[in-house]
C-alpha atoms as a PDB file:
ATOM      1  CA  UNK A   1      -0.405 -25.292  -6.085  1.00  0.00           C
ATOM      2  CA  UNK A   2      -1.609 -22.733  -8.609  1.00  0.00           C
ATOM      3  CA  UNK A   3      -5.201 -23.362  -7.568  1.00  0.00           C
ATOM      4  CA  UNK A   4      -4.334 -22.771  -3.914  1.00  0.00           C
ATOM      5  CA  UNK A   5      -2.415 -19.591  -4.768  1.00  0.00           C
ATOM      6  CA  UNK A   6      -5.317 -18.246  -6.798  1.00  0.00           C
ATOM      7  CA  UNK A   7      -8.038 -19.211  -4.327  1.00  0.00           C
ATOM      8  CA  UNK A   8      -6.409 -18.634  -0.933  1.00  0.00           C
ATOM      9  CA  UNK A   9      -4.411 -15.505  -1.680  1.00  0.00           C
ATOM     10  CA  UNK A  10      -6.963 -13.365  -3.484  1.00  0.00           C
ATOM     11  CA  UNK A  11      -5.521 -10.267  -1.791  1.00  0.00           C
ATOM     12  CA  UNK A  12      -2.538 -10.651  -4.149  1.00  0.00           C
ATOM     13  CA  UNK A  13      -4.834 -10.125  -7.153  1.00  0.00           C
ATOM     14  CA  UNK A  14      -6.265  -7.047  -5.526  1.00  0.00           C
ATOM     15  CA  UNK A  15      -2.790  -5.682  -4.720  1.00  0.00           C
ATOM     16  CA  UNK A  16      -1.489  -6.283  -8.251  1.00  0.00           C
ATOM     17  CA  UNK A  17      -4.604  -4.651  -9.682  1.00  0.00           C
ATOM     18  CA  UNK A  18      -4.344  -1.614  -7.404  1.00  0.00           C
ATOM     19  CA  UNK A  19      -0.654  -1.191  -8.170  1.00  0.00           C
ATOM     20  CA  UNK A  20      -1.471  -1.458 -11.871  1.00  0.00           C
ATOM     21  CA  UNK A  21      -4.216   1.147 -11.578  1.00  0.00           C
ATOM     22  CA  UNK A  22      -1.886   3.512  -9.755  1.00  0.00           C
ATOM     23  CA  UNK A  23       0.884   3.146 -12.373  1.00  0.00           C
ATOM     24  CA  UNK A  24      -1.659   3.513 -15.160  1.00  0.00           C
ATOM     25  CA  UNK A  25      -2.996   6.797 -13.764  1.00  0.00           C
ATOM     26  CA  UNK A  26       0.454   8.260 -13.025  1.00  0.00           C
ATOM     27  CA  UNK A  27       1.712   7.187 -16.456  1.00  0.00           C
ATOM     28  CA  UNK A  28      -1.313   8.779 -18.097  1.00  0.00           C
ATOM     29  CA  UNK A  29      -0.716  12.068 -16.297  1.00  0.00           C
ATOM     30  CA  UNK A  30       2.899  12.076 -17.487  1.00  0.00           C
ATOM     31  CA  UNK A  31       1.623  12.215 -21.091  1.00  0.00           C
ATOM     32  CA  UNK A  32       0.566  15.845 -20.586  1.00  0.00           C
ATOM     33  CA  UNK A  33       2.713  18.472 -22.323  1.00  0.00           C
ATOM     34  CA  UNK A  34       3.758  19.896 -18.944  1.00  0.00           C
ATOM     35  CA  UNK A  35       5.656  16.673 -18.242  1.00  0.00           C
ATOM     36  CA  UNK A  36       7.335  16.287 -21.652  1.00  0.00           C
ATOM     37  CA  UNK A  37      10.669  15.415 -20.054  1.00  0.00           C
ATOM     38  CA  UNK A  38       9.011  12.419 -18.312  1.00  0.00           C
ATOM     39  CA  UNK A  39       7.362  11.034 -21.464  1.00  0.00           C
ATOM     40  CA  UNK A  40       9.416   7.806 -21.507  1.00  0.00           C
ATOM     41  CA  UNK A  41       8.720   7.193 -17.827  1.00  0.00           C
ATOM     42  CA  UNK A  42       5.036   7.764 -18.543  1.00  0.00           C
ATOM     43  CA  UNK A  43       5.093   5.173 -21.319  1.00  0.00           C
ATOM     44  CA  UNK A  44       6.730   2.601 -19.030  1.00  0.00           C
ATOM     45  CA  UNK A  45       4.333   3.307 -16.170  1.00  0.00           C
ATOM     46  CA  UNK A  46       1.421   3.057 -18.584  1.00  0.00           C
ATOM     47  CA  UNK A  47       2.711  -0.310 -19.812  1.00  0.00           C
ATOM     48  CA  UNK A  48       3.430  -1.649 -16.306  1.00  0.00           C
ATOM     49  CA  UNK A  49       0.049  -0.396 -15.103  1.00  0.00           C
ATOM     50  CA  UNK A  50      -1.825  -1.980 -17.972  1.00  0.00           C
ATOM     51  CA  UNK A  51      -0.030  -5.271 -17.372  1.00  0.00           C
ATOM     52  CA  UNK A  52      -0.779  -5.136 -13.642  1.00  0.00           C
ATOM     53  CA  UNK A  53      -4.448  -4.471 -14.285  1.00  0.00           C
ATOM     54  CA  UNK A  54      -4.569  -7.364 -16.751  1.00  0.00           C
ATOM     55  CA  UNK A  55      -2.843  -9.786 -14.352  1.00  0.00           C
ATOM     56  CA  UNK A  56      -5.111  -8.737 -11.486  1.00  0.00           C
ATOM     57  CA  UNK A  57      -8.162  -9.381 -13.657  1.00  0.00           C
ATOM     58  CA  UNK A  58      -6.836 -12.776 -14.755  1.00  0.00           C
ATOM     59  CA  UNK A  59      -6.318 -13.741 -11.114  1.00  0.00           C
ATOM     60  CA  UNK A  60      -9.865 -12.732 -10.239  1.00  0.00           C
ATOM     61  CA  UNK A  61     -11.191 -14.689 -13.225  1.00  0.00           C
ATOM     62  CA  UNK A  62      -9.264 -17.800 -12.182  1.00  0.00           C
ATOM     63  CA  UNK A  63     -10.540 -17.440  -8.607  1.00  0.00           C
ATOM     64  CA  UNK A  64     -14.134 -17.150  -9.826  1.00  0.00           C
ATOM     65  CA  UNK A  65     -13.751 -20.204 -12.043  1.00  0.00           C
ATOM     66  CA  UNK A  66     -12.275 -22.302  -9.210  1.00  0.00           C
ATOM     67  CA  UNK A  67     -15.051 -21.223  -6.851  1.00  0.00           C
ATOM     68  CA  UNK A  68     -17.736 -22.027  -9.432  1.00  0.00           C
ATOM     69  CA  UNK A  69     -16.226 -25.470 -10.021  1.00  0.00           C
ATOM     70  CA  UNK A  70     -16.100 -26.127  -6.259  1.00  0.00           C
ATOM     71  CA  UNK A  71     -19.741 -25.092  -5.806  1.00  0.00           C
ATOM     72  CA  UNK A  72     -20.732 -27.434  -8.626  1.00  0.00           C
ATOM     73  CA  UNK A  73     -18.817 -30.319  -7.053  1.00  0.00           C
ATOM     74  CA  UNK A  74     -20.413 -29.739  -3.643  1.00  0.00           C
ATOM     75  CA  UNK A  75     -23.933 -29.478  -5.108  1.00  0.00           C
ATOM     76  CA  UNK A  76     -23.678 -32.921  -6.766  1.00  0.00           C
END
């Protein structure tokens, strides 16, 4: 099931990664002095964004590994 999720729904990895990138950028902007009152929100967005980027990358890695294994099995 996990293999099918990773391989057949690669758009999920892209969506998680894009959402993570967006949160990461917004969180980073909230670290500026102008937005001092939003510092805690910025920290949380930074954390959520970093996690989303990491999960998106892990999904892409898993997809690449499954595809490489499948190509090797077909070539034999």
